[in-house]
Protein backbone atom coordinates (compact mmCIF):
# COMPACT_ATOMS: atom_id res chain seq x y z
CA MET A 1 -29.01 -40.19 -10.00
CA ILE A 2 -27.04 -43.11 -11.81
CA ASN A 3 -29.27 -45.74 -14.00
CA VAL A 4 -28.14 -49.15 -13.13
CA LEU A 5 -28.66 -52.32 -15.45
CA LEU A 6 -27.37 -55.43 -13.22
CA ALA A 7 -26.83 -58.69 -15.04
CA GLU A 8 -26.05 -61.67 -13.03
CA ASP A 9 -28.08 -65.19 -13.11
CA GLN A 10 -27.27 -66.08 -9.53
CA VAL A 11 -30.81 -64.40 -7.86
CA MET A 12 -29.19 -64.15 -4.92
CA VAL A 13 -26.13 -62.89 -5.42
CA ARG A 14 -27.58 -59.77 -7.64
CA GLN A 15 -30.36 -59.35 -4.43
CA GLY A 16 -26.82 -58.76 -2.25
CA LEU A 17 -25.52 -56.28 -4.88
CA LYS A 18 -28.55 -54.59 -5.74
CA ALA A 19 -29.39 -54.03 -1.90
CA MET A 20 -25.55 -53.26 -1.34
CA VAL A 21 -25.49 -50.38 -4.48
CA GLU A 22 -28.84 -48.96 -3.44
CA THR A 23 -27.71 -48.31 0.00
CA ASP A 24 -26.08 -44.92 -1.96
CA GLU A 25 -29.75 -42.55 -2.22
CA GLU A 26 -27.31 -41.31 -5.83
CA ILE A 27 -27.77 -44.90 -7.45
CA ARG A 28 -30.10 -46.53 -8.60
CA VAL A 29 -31.13 -50.34 -10.34
CA MET A 30 -33.56 -49.66 -12.95
CA GLY A 31 -33.53 -53.10 -14.48
CA GLU A 32 -32.26 -56.37 -13.30
CA ALA A 33 -31.06 -59.82 -16.06
CA ASP A 34 -30.48 -62.78 -15.26
CA ASN A 35 -28.63 -63.52 -18.58
CA GLY A 36 -26.78 -61.22 -21.38
CA LYS A 37 -29.60 -61.76 -23.73
CA GLU A 38 -32.00 -59.92 -21.58
CA ALA A 39 -28.98 -57.61 -20.24
CA VAL A 40 -28.73 -56.30 -24.50
CA ARG A 41 -33.00 -56.68 -24.50
CA LEU A 42 -33.59 -54.04 -21.66
CA CYS A 43 -30.61 -51.75 -23.16
CA GLU A 44 -32.84 -51.08 -26.05
CA LYS A 45 -36.02 -50.55 -24.09
CA HIS A 46 -34.67 -48.32 -21.36
CA PHE A 47 -31.90 -45.25 -20.40
CA PHE A 48 -29.35 -46.78 -18.50
CA ASP A 49 -26.17 -44.60 -17.13
CA VAL A 50 -24.01 -48.12 -15.90
CA ALA A 51 -24.49 -51.96 -16.40
CA ILE A 52 -22.91 -54.34 -14.41
CA LEU A 53 -22.14 -57.61 -16.26
CA ASP A 54 -21.53 -61.10 -14.55
CA ILE A 55 -18.30 -62.18 -16.91
CA ARG A 56 -20.18 -65.84 -16.65
CA MET A 57 -23.87 -66.10 -17.69
CA PRO A 58 -26.05 -68.47 -19.68
CA GLU A 59 -27.61 -68.15 -23.34
CA MET A 60 -25.12 -65.21 -24.00
CA ASP A 61 -22.55 -64.21 -21.31
CA GLY A 62 -20.92 -61.09 -19.88
CA LEU A 63 -17.99 -60.46 -22.54
CA LYS A 64 -20.21 -60.90 -25.59
CA ALA A 65 -23.56 -58.67 -24.36
CA ALA A 66 -20.26 -56.38 -22.90
CA LYS A 67 -19.54 -56.05 -27.09
CA ILE A 68 -22.98 -55.06 -28.35
CA ILE A 69 -23.91 -52.40 -25.68
CA ARG A 70 -20.54 -50.86 -26.83
CA THR A 71 -21.23 -50.71 -29.72
CA ARG A 72 -24.85 -49.99 -30.24
CA PHE A 73 -24.81 -47.57 -26.50
CA PRO A 74 -21.91 -46.46 -26.79
CA HIS A 75 -22.59 -44.21 -23.91
CA ILE A 76 -23.19 -46.78 -21.22
CA LYS A 77 -20.46 -47.43 -19.06
CA ILE A 78 -19.68 -51.10 -18.54
CA LEU A 79 -18.40 -52.86 -15.09
CA MET A 80 -17.91 -56.23 -14.79
CA LEU A 81 -18.72 -58.72 -12.24
CA THR A 82 -15.41 -61.23 -11.86
CA THR A 83 -13.81 -64.01 -9.80
CA PHE A 84 -10.14 -64.50 -9.32
CA ASP A 85 -10.20 -67.70 -11.79
CA ASP A 86 -11.58 -65.09 -14.71
CA ASN A 87 -8.25 -63.16 -15.37
CA GLU A 88 -8.47 -64.05 -18.86
CA LEU A 89 -11.93 -63.14 -19.40
CA VAL A 90 -10.88 -60.06 -18.20
CA VAL A 91 -8.47 -58.41 -20.26
CA GLU A 92 -10.66 -59.40 -23.24
CA ALA A 93 -13.76 -57.28 -20.93
CA LEU A 94 -11.20 -54.24 -20.42
CA LYS A 95 -9.89 -54.15 -24.50
CA LEU A 96 -13.78 -54.40 -25.38
CA GLY A 97 -14.51 -50.99 -23.52
CA ALA A 98 -15.66 -52.29 -19.57
CA SER A 99 -14.57 -48.87 -17.39
CA GLY A 100 -13.43 -51.72 -14.85
CA TYR A 101 -14.35 -54.92 -12.40
CA MET A 102 -15.12 -55.83 -9.67
CA LEU A 103 -14.92 -58.81 -7.50
CA LYS A 104 -18.56 -60.05 -6.29
CA ASN A 105 -17.24 -60.80 -2.76
CA GLY A 106 -16.13 -57.08 -2.89
CA ASP A 107 -17.64 -54.56 -0.24
CA THR A 108 -20.53 -52.11 -0.81
CA GLN A 109 -18.17 -49.31 -1.04
CA SER A 110 -15.80 -50.38 -3.42
CA LEU A 111 -18.63 -51.24 -5.98
CA ILE A 112 -20.16 -47.91 -5.25
CA ARG A 113 -16.96 -46.23 -5.71
CA SER A 114 -16.13 -48.02 -9.33
CA ILE A 115 -19.81 -47.04 -10.21
CA LYS A 116 -19.33 -43.22 -9.64
CA SER A 117 -15.45 -43.79 -11.17
CA ALA A 118 -16.69 -44.81 -14.47
CA MET A 119 -19.64 -42.37 -14.65
CA SER A 120 -16.80 -39.85 -14.21
CA GLY A 121 -14.52 -41.47 -16.98
CA GLY A 122 -12.57 -43.37 -14.44
CA LEU A 123 -10.95 -46.65 -14.94
CA SER A 124 -12.44 -48.76 -12.01
CA LEU A 125 -8.90 -52.10 -10.97
CA GLU A 126 -9.90 -53.73 -7.99
CA ASP A 127 -6.43 -54.32 -6.19
CA LYS A 128 -6.66 -57.69 -5.91
CA VAL A 129 -7.52 -58.57 -9.41
CA ALA A 130 -5.32 -56.16 -10.75
CA ALA A 131 -1.81 -58.06 -9.22
CA LYS A 132 -3.04 -61.26 -11.74
CA VAL A 133 -4.52 -58.95 -14.89
CA MET A 134 -1.94 -56.63 -15.27
CA PRO A 135 1.18 -58.91 -15.90
CA ILE A 136 -0.84 -60.39 -18.83
CA LEU A 137 -1.59 -56.92 -20.46
CA LEU A 138 2.22 -56.75 -20.48
CA GLN A 139 2.56 -60.02 -21.88
CA SER A 140 1.23 -59.08 -25.65
CA GLN A 141 2.87 -55.37 -25.76
CA GLU A 142 2.09 -54.03 -28.77
CA GLU A 143 4.78 -51.16 -29.61
CA GLU A 144 8.46 -50.53 -28.12
CA THR A 145 7.74 -47.67 -27.74
CA VAL A 146 5.18 -44.39 -26.91
CA ASP A 147 3.91 -42.63 -29.72
CA PRO A 148 5.96 -39.95 -30.27
CA SER A 149 3.66 -37.73 -31.39
CA LEU A 150 2.59 -37.20 -27.77
CA THR A 151 4.16 -34.17 -26.21
CA PRO A 152 5.37 -34.61 -22.13
CA ARG A 153 1.80 -32.84 -21.51
CA GLU A 154 -0.09 -35.94 -23.03
CA ARG A 155 2.16 -38.60 -21.67
CA ALA A 156 1.61 -37.15 -18.53
CA ILE A 157 -2.37 -37.40 -18.47
CA LEU A 158 -2.34 -40.64 -20.06
CA THR A 159 -0.41 -42.33 -17.12
CA CYS A 160 -2.67 -40.39 -14.86
CA ILE A 161 -5.84 -42.12 -17.53
CA GLY A 162 -3.85 -45.33 -16.98
CA GLU A 163 -3.71 -45.28 -13.03
CA GLY A 164 -7.59 -44.80 -13.35
CA LEU A 165 -7.98 -41.84 -12.65
CA ASN A 166 -10.94 -39.59 -13.95
CA ASN A 167 -11.01 -36.04 -15.80
CA LYS A 168 -11.00 -33.76 -12.42
CA GLU A 169 -8.30 -36.09 -10.83
CA VAL A 170 -6.40 -35.17 -13.56
CA ALA A 171 -6.38 -32.05 -13.68
CA GLU A 172 -5.99 -31.59 -9.60
CA ARG A 173 -2.82 -33.79 -9.95
CA LEU A 174 -1.49 -31.95 -12.82
CA GLY A 175 -2.19 -28.61 -11.72
CA LEU A 176 -5.21 -28.13 -15.20
CA SER A 177 -8.13 -27.27 -15.85
CA VAL A 178 -10.55 -29.89 -16.26
CA GLY A 179 -11.56 -28.54 -19.89
CA THR A 180 -7.16 -28.53 -20.60
CA VAL A 181 -7.90 -32.37 -19.62
CA LYS A 182 -10.72 -32.99 -21.37
CA ASN A 183 -8.98 -31.41 -24.64
CA GLN A 184 -5.85 -33.07 -24.70
CA THR A 185 -7.72 -36.51 -23.95
CA SER A 186 -9.43 -35.61 -27.11
CA HIS A 187 -6.29 -35.14 -29.06
CA ILE A 188 -4.48 -38.24 -27.81
CA PHE A 189 -7.37 -39.90 -28.42
CA ASP A 190 -7.31 -38.55 -32.25
CA LYS A 191 -3.08 -39.49 -32.14
CA LEU A 192 -3.56 -43.02 -30.95
CA GLU A 193 -6.51 -43.76 -32.99
CA LEU A 194 -8.43 -45.08 -30.04
CA ARG A 195 -11.87 -44.76 -29.22
CA ASP A 196 -12.55 -44.66 -25.09
CA ARG A 197 -10.14 -44.44 -21.98
CA THR A 198 -10.62 -48.13 -20.92
CA GLN A 199 -8.11 -48.31 -24.68
CA LEU A 200 -5.82 -44.90 -23.15
CA ALA A 201 -5.81 -47.10 -20.16
CA ILE A 202 -4.57 -50.15 -21.49
CA TYR A 203 -1.95 -48.24 -24.12
CA ALA A 204 -0.14 -46.53 -20.94
CA ILE A 205 -0.47 -49.63 -19.04
CA LYS A 206 1.26 -51.88 -22.74
CA HIS A 207 3.40 -48.81 -22.33
CA ARG A 208 5.11 -48.83 -19.11
CA LEU A 209 3.59 -45.45 -18.58
CA VAL A 210 2.22 -46.72 -15.02
């Protein structure tokens, strides 16, 4: 069972999202919050696998809440709720380690796929928003070339991660075992001095591996 925290200040939107999520018998909403501070407090009291946070909330916005949750509760996967007007904020959320973002008016299956993808280590990028966000990520490229210490296999895995694939999907595409993918991914983390798969995905995008 995947335990979800849902933080959204608009009651009707929150209720609608809860109803959508719970159409899947493997997912249940175990906590609800109408602001970032309450979301953090709930994380202190209960065990959640995934936190779905609206980017714009009163008292404490989703970005600040995501940063605190990622620091204090690193096992919790973060998914951000957004609108078409939040592109810069979405980029910031990804840099903080969010596992993806979803449009508030997205369909039920997209929402469920995003939650399950986050749980399995994938990165969820809504196609319609990704088209607008990717150019922003590419504007501030930090390096001219990919780290030369990466092996061809590690580069291939990094490309898959940049496409949002989880370990099982990477293994299937490259003809490797899941264990090998996990081991190689650990090496990539060490070489690039990054801490989570979202950062790896951003690195892959910035360095034109995707």
